[in-house]
Amino acid sequence: MKPSATSLCLVALLVGLVVAPSAAGGGASAVIHGSQGARFEGLGFGGGHFWWTTPHAVDDSGQTVVGIGGRSEDGYLEAWRWTRGRGTEGLGDLPGWDGGSDAAFESSANAISGNGRVIVGEGQSDYGDEAWLWTRAWGLVPLGFIGGAYPPSWAMGVSRHGWVVVGSSDSPAGFQAFYWTPWTGMIGLGTLGGTIFESHAYGVSAYGNVVVGQSHGPNGWEAFRWTPRTGMVGLGQLNGSTTTAARAVSADGQTIIGTARFSSPIRYEAFRWTAAGGMEGLGDLPGGNTISQADGVSGDGSIVVGASEDSNPYGMGDAFIWDRTHGMRHLQTVLQEEYGLEVSPWVLRRAYAITPDGRTIVGDGTNPEGENETWRVYLPPPPRRPWWAGGLRFLKR
């Protein structure tokens, strides 16, 4: 495929990309401090520009968060970006789109590169829903569709340096996952070969060599892992589930997380997959229906975050954190009991993403005023033992 003029321009842009200096601002909730340097904060509403916000991703440093929010002035949806210096700011809409009375939304930021310089998402264009890439220098740049004007397309993941974007697009062959670079443009990844020609990519590893998502295959809807060497490989089902979908992959590409659906009775369970261990269910929070979904994973795959239903009568609405030692736990309880973060009357509904080092988590919930607001929490690393601690234990023998 011959690269387009836009793709070639993006190569030059990404090579020389620099971060613009931050301006003063913020407007977020006050920071709540806990023990050992733990911090919790609501990210605010951009000075009243939004009336609600939901995050979708965070960069590797934990200092830039992106997502979607409802605009106060007209009710349309808009992608946003939060940074410490600038607070929450809208990213606007694709060029040429003027809204319209029947518009369902205008833009959504779905992922951010690890270096924080490239954001990808979807928005309304003259063709319909279209994937886009954002930088501070260029704003929103449409990425097109597989094979030409075959809307819709959605960008769902981006590599650490912004060179690889993945998502889904319609095409002459049908709807399929795509892999985009400035050199190649948008390339279809095919499907698992089921009776329905359809696949969706939701995440990509740090260096762009592992793509994960869901496709229809011989065994129905199934999570997949794609690499340039292996192509698209199905990950199977979880203990008799009817469908599985991979939502994210660790930075090193070795751990995949997602959600499995069961039909009898209908229930959902978060899963974690590794080449060595296969697919394992992560359970759910106590009480309520069996519903959990995994949304974010740390760089080495050891920590998973998401949401689960417990005894809350309003359904899915409790952020969880999972690790091998403790299993699945209420994130809000962990913050209070282990880090002294008294975040009530906040209610943490869902954790969407976690940084590769496992220290910063972002999600949304109900703030003290009853509004849906994005939050960000920093968890300090465990204290290091003194170098001489091992020697003292030896002397005590």
Protein backbone atom coordinates (compact mmCIF):
# COMPACT_ATOMS: atom_id res chain seq x y z
CA MET A 1 0.00 0.00 0.00
CA LYS A 2 1.41 3.39 -1.00
CA PRO A 3 1.58 5.79 1.97
CA SER A 4 -0.69 8.82 1.68
CA ALA A 5 0.55 12.39 1.87
CA THR A 6 -0.98 12.63 5.33
CA SER A 7 0.93 9.53 6.44
CA LEU A 8 4.24 10.91 5.15
CA CYS A 9 3.64 14.21 6.92
CA LEU A 10 2.89 12.31 10.12
CA VAL A 11 6.25 10.54 9.86
CA ALA A 12 8.02 13.88 9.93
CA LEU A 13 5.77 15.12 12.69
CA LEU A 14 6.30 12.11 14.96
CA VAL A 15 10.08 12.08 14.42
CA GLY A 16 10.47 15.64 15.62
CA LEU A 17 7.62 15.74 18.08
CA VAL A 18 8.13 17.85 21.20
CA VAL A 19 5.83 18.53 24.10
CA ALA A 20 4.50 22.05 24.29
CA PRO A 21 5.12 23.87 27.57
CA SER A 22 2.29 23.58 30.07
CA ALA A 23 0.18 26.53 31.02
CA ALA A 24 -1.07 27.27 34.48
CA GLY A 25 -4.49 25.94 35.30
CA GLY A 26 -6.29 22.95 36.69
CA GLY A 27 -9.68 23.32 38.31
CA ALA A 28 -9.55 19.77 39.70
CA SER A 29 -10.61 18.57 43.12
CA ALA A 30 -8.27 18.96 46.07
CA VAL A 31 -5.62 16.28 46.43
CA ILE A 32 -6.17 13.77 49.26
CA HIS A 33 -2.94 12.58 50.85
CA GLY A 34 -2.41 9.23 52.51
CA SER A 35 0.48 7.40 54.08
CA GLN A 36 3.83 6.73 52.39
CA GLY A 37 3.17 9.44 49.81
CA ALA A 38 -0.08 8.01 48.41
CA ARG A 39 -2.28 10.60 46.65
CA PHE A 40 -5.84 10.69 45.30
CA GLU A 41 -7.48 13.44 43.26
CA GLY A 42 -10.44 14.17 41.06
CA LEU A 43 -9.44 15.67 37.72
CA GLY A 44 -12.24 18.20 37.43
CA PHE A 45 -14.35 19.35 34.50
CA GLY A 46 -12.14 21.76 32.58
CA GLY A 47 -13.47 24.90 34.25
CA GLY A 48 -17.07 23.89 33.58
CA HIS A 49 -16.55 22.87 29.92
CA PHE A 50 -17.67 19.32 30.78
CA TRP A 51 -20.49 18.18 33.04
CA TRP A 52 -19.14 14.61 33.33
CA THR A 53 -15.92 12.84 32.39
CA THR A 54 -14.74 9.25 31.99
CA PRO A 55 -11.08 8.27 31.40
CA HIS A 56 -9.87 5.65 28.97
CA ALA A 57 -6.08 5.69 29.28
CA VAL A 58 -3.01 7.10 31.05
CA ASP A 59 0.54 7.57 29.79
CA ASP A 60 3.54 5.74 31.25
CA SER A 61 4.43 8.60 33.62
CA GLY A 62 0.92 8.83 35.03
CA GLN A 63 0.93 12.56 34.33
CA THR A 64 -1.37 12.61 31.27
CA VAL A 65 -4.88 11.11 31.20
CA VAL A 66 -7.31 11.00 28.27
CA GLY A 67 -10.97 10.12 27.89
CA ILE A 68 -14.43 11.31 26.92
CA GLY A 69 -16.83 13.78 28.50
CA GLY A 70 -20.19 15.48 28.01
CA ARG A 71 -19.92 19.12 26.96
CA SER A 72 -21.88 21.47 29.17
CA GLU A 73 -22.84 23.88 26.40
CA ASP A 74 -24.51 21.48 23.95
CA GLY A 75 -24.50 17.98 25.46
CA TYR A 76 -22.31 16.49 22.72
CA LEU A 77 -19.42 14.21 23.61
CA GLU A 78 -15.82 15.38 23.29
CA ALA A 79 -12.39 13.86 23.73
CA TRP A 80 -10.28 15.42 26.47
CA ARG A 81 -6.73 15.44 27.79
CA TRP A 82 -5.66 16.14 31.38
CA THR A 83 -2.18 17.18 32.46
CA ARG A 84 -0.91 18.55 35.75
CA GLY A 85 -0.25 22.02 34.38
CA ARG A 86 -3.20 22.48 32.03
CA GLY A 87 -5.94 20.55 33.78
CA THR A 88 -8.74 19.04 31.67
CA GLU A 89 -9.00 20.46 28.15
CA GLY A 90 -11.18 19.41 25.22
CA LEU A 91 -9.46 18.15 22.06
CA GLY A 92 -12.17 19.34 19.69
CA ASP A 93 -13.64 17.55 16.70
CA LEU A 94 -12.47 16.27 13.33
CA PRO A 95 -12.08 18.93 10.63
CA GLY A 96 -15.22 19.73 8.68
CA TRP A 97 -17.67 18.24 11.15
CA ASP A 98 -20.27 20.70 12.38
CA GLY A 99 -22.25 18.49 14.72
CA GLY A 100 -25.86 18.29 13.70
CA SER A 101 -29.13 17.60 15.44
CA ASP A 102 -28.84 13.84 14.97
CA ALA A 103 -25.18 13.47 15.98
CA ALA A 104 -24.67 10.76 18.59
CA PHE A 105 -21.23 12.10 19.54
CA GLU A 106 -18.35 14.07 18.09
CA SER A 107 -15.06 12.68 19.48
CA SER A 108 -13.64 10.22 22.01
CA ALA A 109 -10.02 9.72 23.12
CA ASN A 110 -9.43 5.99 23.56
CA ALA A 111 -5.68 5.57 24.10
CA ILE A 112 -2.44 7.50 24.60
CA SER A 113 1.13 6.63 23.72
CA GLY A 114 3.46 5.76 26.57
CA ASN A 115 5.44 8.97 26.05
CA GLY A 116 2.22 11.00 26.28
CA ARG A 117 2.68 12.71 22.91
CA VAL A 118 0.16 10.90 20.70
CA ILE A 119 -3.53 10.32 21.43
CA VAL A 120 -5.86 8.19 19.30
CA GLY A 121 -9.61 7.83 19.18
CA GLU A 122 -12.68 8.17 17.03
CA GLY A 123 -14.98 10.96 15.95
CA GLN A 124 -17.59 12.15 13.51
CA SER A 125 -16.28 13.11 10.08
CA ASP A 126 -18.01 13.85 6.78
CA TYR A 127 -17.85 10.10 6.09
CA GLY A 128 -19.18 8.91 9.44
CA ASP A 129 -17.31 7.56 12.46
CA GLU A 130 -13.59 7.79 11.70
CA ALA A 131 -10.38 6.93 13.55
CA TRP A 132 -8.05 9.82 14.34
CA LEU A 133 -4.61 10.61 15.74
CA TRP A 134 -3.89 13.73 17.82
CA THR A 135 -0.73 15.67 18.58
CA ARG A 136 -0.46 19.11 20.11
CA ALA A 137 1.06 20.47 16.92
CA TRP A 138 -1.57 19.14 14.50
CA GLY A 139 -4.70 18.51 16.54
CA LEU A 140 -7.00 15.73 15.30
CA VAL A 141 -5.85 14.06 12.05
CA PRO A 142 -8.25 11.54 10.42
CA LEU A 143 -6.73 8.12 9.67
CA GLY A 144 -9.25 6.97 7.08
CA PHE A 145 -10.52 3.46 6.47
CA ILE A 146 -9.25 0.14 5.12
CA GLY A 147 -9.42 0.23 1.35
CA GLY A 148 -10.77 3.77 1.05
CA ALA A 149 -14.12 5.28 2.07
CA TYR A 150 -15.66 2.42 4.01
CA PRO A 151 -16.78 3.92 7.32
CA PRO A 152 -16.76 3.44 10.21
CA SER A 153 -13.29 3.13 11.76
CA TRP A 154 -12.16 3.40 15.39
CA ALA A 155 -8.66 3.74 16.86
CA MET A 156 -8.40 1.88 20.18
CA GLY A 157 -4.69 1.44 20.97
CA VAL A 158 -1.32 3.06 20.31
CA SER A 159 2.27 1.96 20.93
CA ARG A 160 4.68 3.61 23.39
CA HIS A 161 6.19 6.02 20.86
CA GLY A 162 3.07 6.57 18.78
CA TRP A 163 4.30 4.79 15.67
CA VAL A 164 1.64 2.02 15.68
CA VAL A 165 -2.12 2.52 15.99
CA VAL A 166 -4.64 -0.34 16.15
CA GLY A 167 -8.41 -0.47 15.98
CA SER A 168 -11.23 -1.57 13.69
CA SER A 169 -12.49 -0.49 10.29
CA ASP A 170 -14.94 -1.55 7.67
CA SER A 171 -13.34 -2.67 4.41
CA PRO A 172 -14.29 -4.22 1.06
CA ALA A 173 -13.94 -7.66 2.67
CA GLY A 174 -15.86 -6.76 5.83
CA PHE A 175 -15.26 -5.31 9.26
CA GLN A 176 -11.80 -6.12 10.62
CA ALA A 177 -9.03 -5.15 13.01
CA PHE A 178 -6.42 -2.81 11.59
CA TYR A 179 -2.73 -2.00 12.09
CA TRP A 180 -1.65 1.52 11.12
CA THR A 181 1.78 3.12 10.80
CA PRO A 182 2.75 6.39 9.08
CA TRP A 183 4.61 4.34 6.44
CA THR A 184 1.96 1.77 5.58
CA GLY A 185 -1.30 3.47 6.35
CA MET A 186 -4.16 1.26 7.54
CA ILE A 187 -3.75 -2.51 6.99
CA GLY A 188 -6.41 -5.11 7.75
CA LEU A 189 -5.46 -8.01 10.01
CA GLY A 190 -8.18 -10.39 8.83
CA THR A 191 -10.15 -12.67 11.16
CA LEU A 192 -9.94 -16.06 12.87
CA GLY A 193 -11.88 -17.61 9.98
CA GLY A 194 -15.36 -17.92 11.42
CA THR A 195 -18.63 -17.79 9.52
CA ILE A 196 -18.81 -14.04 10.23
CA PHE A 197 -15.99 -11.96 8.75
CA GLU A 198 -15.37 -9.62 11.66
CA SER A 199 -12.59 -8.73 14.10
CA HIS A 200 -11.74 -5.83 16.43
CA ALA A 201 -8.38 -4.76 17.88
CA TYR A 202 -8.45 -3.16 21.33
CA GLY A 203 -4.85 -3.03 22.52
CA VAL A 204 -1.21 -3.10 21.43
CA SER A 205 2.05 -3.74 23.28
CA ALA A 206 4.61 -1.03 23.96
CA TYR A 207 6.66 -1.70 20.82
CA GLY A 208 3.71 -2.47 18.57
CA ASN A 209 4.56 -6.12 17.97
CA VAL A 210 1.58 -7.69 19.78
CA VAL A 211 -2.05 -6.77 19.03
CA VAL A 212 -5.03 -8.12 20.98
CA GLY A 213 -8.76 -8.07 20.46
CA GLN A 214 -11.72 -10.22 19.47
CA SER A 215 -12.70 -12.04 16.29
CA HIS A 216 -15.29 -14.48 15.07
CA GLY A 217 -13.70 -17.88 14.54
CA PRO A 218 -14.65 -21.56 14.30
CA ASN A 219 -15.43 -21.49 18.04
CA GLY A 220 -17.54 -18.34 17.90
CA TRP A 221 -16.40 -14.98 19.27
CA GLU A 222 -12.95 -15.42 20.70
CA ALA A 223 -10.10 -13.31 22.09
CA PHE A 224 -7.04 -13.18 19.84
CA ARG A 225 -3.33 -12.37 19.92
CA TRP A 226 -1.69 -11.15 16.70
CA THR A 227 1.99 -10.78 15.88
CA PRO A 228 3.69 -10.24 12.49
CA ARG A 229 5.17 -13.74 12.77
CA THR A 230 2.15 -15.76 13.88
CA GLY A 231 -0.71 -13.73 12.47
CA MET A 232 -4.01 -13.87 14.38
CA VAL A 233 -4.22 -16.71 16.92
CA GLY A 234 -7.29 -17.44 19.03
CA LEU A 235 -6.89 -17.67 22.80
CA GLY A 236 -9.84 -19.99 23.38
CA GLN A 237 -12.63 -19.87 25.94
CA LEU A 238 -12.66 -19.70 29.73
CA ASN A 239 -14.09 -22.77 31.48
CA GLY A 240 -17.02 -23.18 29.10
CA SER A 241 -17.64 -19.54 28.27
CA THR A 242 -19.46 -18.70 25.06
CA THR A 243 -17.36 -15.66 24.10
CA THR A 244 -14.07 -14.05 25.13
CA ALA A 245 -12.66 -10.63 24.26
CA ALA A 246 -9.14 -9.36 24.95
CA ARG A 247 -9.16 -5.74 26.11
CA ALA A 248 -5.51 -4.93 26.81
CA VAL A 249 -1.98 -6.35 26.71
CA SER A 250 0.97 -5.71 29.01
CA ALA A 251 3.79 -3.49 27.79
CA ASP A 252 6.03 -6.54 27.29
CA GLY A 253 3.33 -8.32 25.27
CA GLN A 254 3.34 -11.40 27.52
CA THR A 255 0.09 -10.94 29.47
CA ILE A 256 -3.37 -10.35 28.00
CA ILE A 257 -6.49 -9.42 29.94
CA GLY A 258 -10.14 -9.33 29.00
CA THR A 259 -13.61 -10.58 29.78
CA ALA A 260 -15.43 -13.87 29.18
CA ARG A 261 -19.20 -14.23 28.82
CA PHE A 262 -21.14 -17.27 29.99
CA SER A 263 -24.66 -18.08 28.82
CA SER A 264 -26.08 -20.44 31.46
CA PRO A 265 -26.66 -18.44 33.54
CA ILE A 266 -25.58 -15.19 31.89
CA ARG A 267 -22.52 -13.86 33.69
CA TYR A 268 -19.22 -12.16 32.92
CA GLU A 269 -15.77 -12.81 34.38
CA ALA A 270 -12.46 -11.01 33.97
CA PHE A 271 -9.59 -13.16 32.73
CA ARG A 272 -5.82 -13.05 32.47
CA TRP A 273 -3.88 -14.97 29.80
CA THR A 274 -0.21 -15.91 29.54
CA ALA A 275 1.54 -18.30 27.17
CA ALA A 276 2.71 -20.40 30.12
CA GLY A 277 -0.52 -20.50 32.11
CA GLY A 278 -3.19 -20.06 29.47
CA MET A 279 -6.45 -18.33 30.39
CA GLU A 280 -7.43 -18.03 34.06
CA GLY A 281 -10.53 -16.46 35.56
CA LEU A 282 -9.99 -13.67 38.09
CA GLY A 283 -13.31 -14.14 39.88
CA ASP A 284 -15.44 -11.23 41.06
CA LEU A 285 -16.10 -9.14 44.14
CA PRO A 286 -18.29 -10.73 46.85
CA GLY A 287 -22.05 -10.24 46.68
CA GLY A 288 -24.28 -9.38 43.75
CA ASN A 289 -24.24 -11.11 40.40
CA THR A 290 -21.13 -12.72 38.93
CA ILE A 291 -19.94 -9.78 36.84
CA SER A 292 -16.38 -8.57 36.45
CA GLN A 293 -14.40 -7.06 33.60
CA ALA A 294 -10.69 -6.39 33.26
CA ASP A 295 -9.66 -3.07 31.71
CA GLY A 296 -6.02 -2.32 32.53
CA VAL A 297 -2.81 -4.26 33.20
CA SER A 298 0.62 -3.28 34.49
CA GLY A 299 3.73 -3.51 32.32
CA ASP A 300 4.77 -6.93 33.58
CA GLY A 301 1.21 -8.27 33.82
CA SER A 302 1.27 -8.70 37.60
CA ILE A 303 -1.52 -6.20 38.42
CA VAL A 304 -4.95 -5.99 36.79
CA VAL A 305 -7.62 -3.34 37.32
CA GLY A 306 -11.24 -3.12 36.23
CA ALA A 307 -14.76 -3.21 37.64
CA SER A 308 -17.03 -5.74 39.27
CA GLU A 309 -20.53 -5.91 40.68
CA ASP A 310 -20.86 -6.58 44.38
CA SER A 311 -23.92 -5.98 46.57
CA ASN A 312 -24.47 -2.56 44.98
CA PRO A 313 -28.02 -2.64 43.55
CA TYR A 314 -27.07 -0.40 40.60
CA GLY A 315 -25.05 -3.07 38.78
CA MET A 316 -21.44 -2.77 37.61
CA GLY A 317 -19.94 -0.17 39.85
CA ASP A 318 -16.98 -1.11 42.04
CA ALA A 319 -13.39 -0.62 40.92
CA PHE A 320 -11.13 -3.58 41.65
CA ILE A 321 -7.42 -4.29 41.82
CA TRP A 322 -6.05 -7.81 41.37
CA ASP A 323 -2.69 -9.42 41.99
CA ARG A 324 -1.59 -13.01 42.46
CA THR A 325 -1.07 -12.71 46.21
CA HIS A 326 -4.37 -11.06 47.16
CA GLY A 327 -6.73 -11.93 44.34
CA MET A 328 -9.48 -9.44 43.46
CA ARG A 329 -10.14 -6.68 46.00
CA HIS A 330 -12.15 -3.49 46.25
CA LEU A 331 -9.77 -0.74 45.21
CA GLN A 332 -11.45 1.75 47.52
CA THR A 333 -10.94 -0.55 50.50
CA VAL A 334 -7.28 -1.08 49.59
CA LEU A 335 -6.73 2.68 49.38
CA GLN A 336 -8.21 3.19 52.83
CA GLU A 337 -6.75 0.25 54.72
CA GLU A 338 -3.27 0.04 53.18
CA TYR A 339 -2.54 3.64 52.23
CA GLY A 340 -4.68 5.70 54.60
CA LEU A 341 -6.52 7.40 51.73
CA GLU A 342 -9.93 8.44 53.07
CA VAL A 343 -11.59 9.09 49.73
CA SER A 344 -15.21 8.83 50.94
CA PRO A 345 -17.75 10.14 50.04
CA TRP A 346 -16.26 9.40 46.63
CA VAL A 347 -17.48 6.06 45.22
CA LEU A 348 -14.96 4.50 42.83
CA ARG A 349 -16.98 2.79 40.13
CA ARG A 350 -14.43 1.57 37.59
CA ALA A 351 -10.66 1.50 37.13
CA TYR A 352 -9.85 1.86 33.44
CA ALA A 353 -6.06 1.93 33.22
CA ILE A 354 -2.83 1.52 35.18
CA THR A 355 0.70 2.67 34.40
CA PRO A 356 3.37 0.08 33.49
CA ASP A 357 5.01 0.45 36.92
CA GLY A 358 1.68 -0.30 38.62
CA ARG A 359 1.82 2.91 40.64
CA THR A 360 -0.84 5.16 39.02
CA ILE A 361 -4.44 4.09 38.38
CA VAL A 362 -7.18 6.13 36.70
CA GLY A 363 -10.92 5.55 36.71
CA ASP A 364 -14.25 7.22 37.22
CA GLY A 365 -16.79 7.37 39.99
CA THR A 366 -19.26 9.49 41.85
CA ASN A 367 -17.68 12.55 43.46
CA PRO A 368 -18.94 14.16 46.72
CA GLU A 369 -21.38 16.31 44.68
CA GLY A 370 -22.91 13.24 43.01
CA GLU A 371 -21.29 13.93 39.61
CA ASN A 372 -19.48 11.41 37.42
CA GLU A 373 -15.84 12.52 37.55
CA THR A 374 -12.49 11.06 36.58
CA TRP A 375 -10.09 10.27 39.42
CA ARG A 376 -6.39 9.50 39.58
CA VAL A 377 -4.55 7.72 42.39
CA TYR A 378 -0.83 7.28 42.98
CA LEU A 379 0.33 4.33 45.08
CA PRO A 380 3.92 4.47 46.35
CA PRO A 381 6.21 1.45 46.00
CA PRO A 382 6.72 -0.71 49.09
CA PRO A 383 9.55 0.48 51.33
CA ARG A 384 12.92 -1.04 50.58
CA ARG A 385 14.62 -3.15 53.21
CA PRO A 386 17.95 -1.82 54.44
CA TRP A 387 20.90 -3.58 52.82
CA TRP A 388 21.94 -4.93 56.20
CA ALA A 389 18.53 -6.45 57.11
CA GLY A 390 19.44 -9.87 55.74
CA GLY A 391 22.67 -9.87 57.74
CA LEU A 392 20.86 -9.18 61.00
CA ARG A 393 18.52 -12.11 60.44
CA PHE A 394 21.58 -14.32 59.87
CA LEU A 395 23.17 -13.14 63.15
CA LYS A 396 19.97 -13.96 65.06
CA ARG A 397 20.12 -17.60 64.08
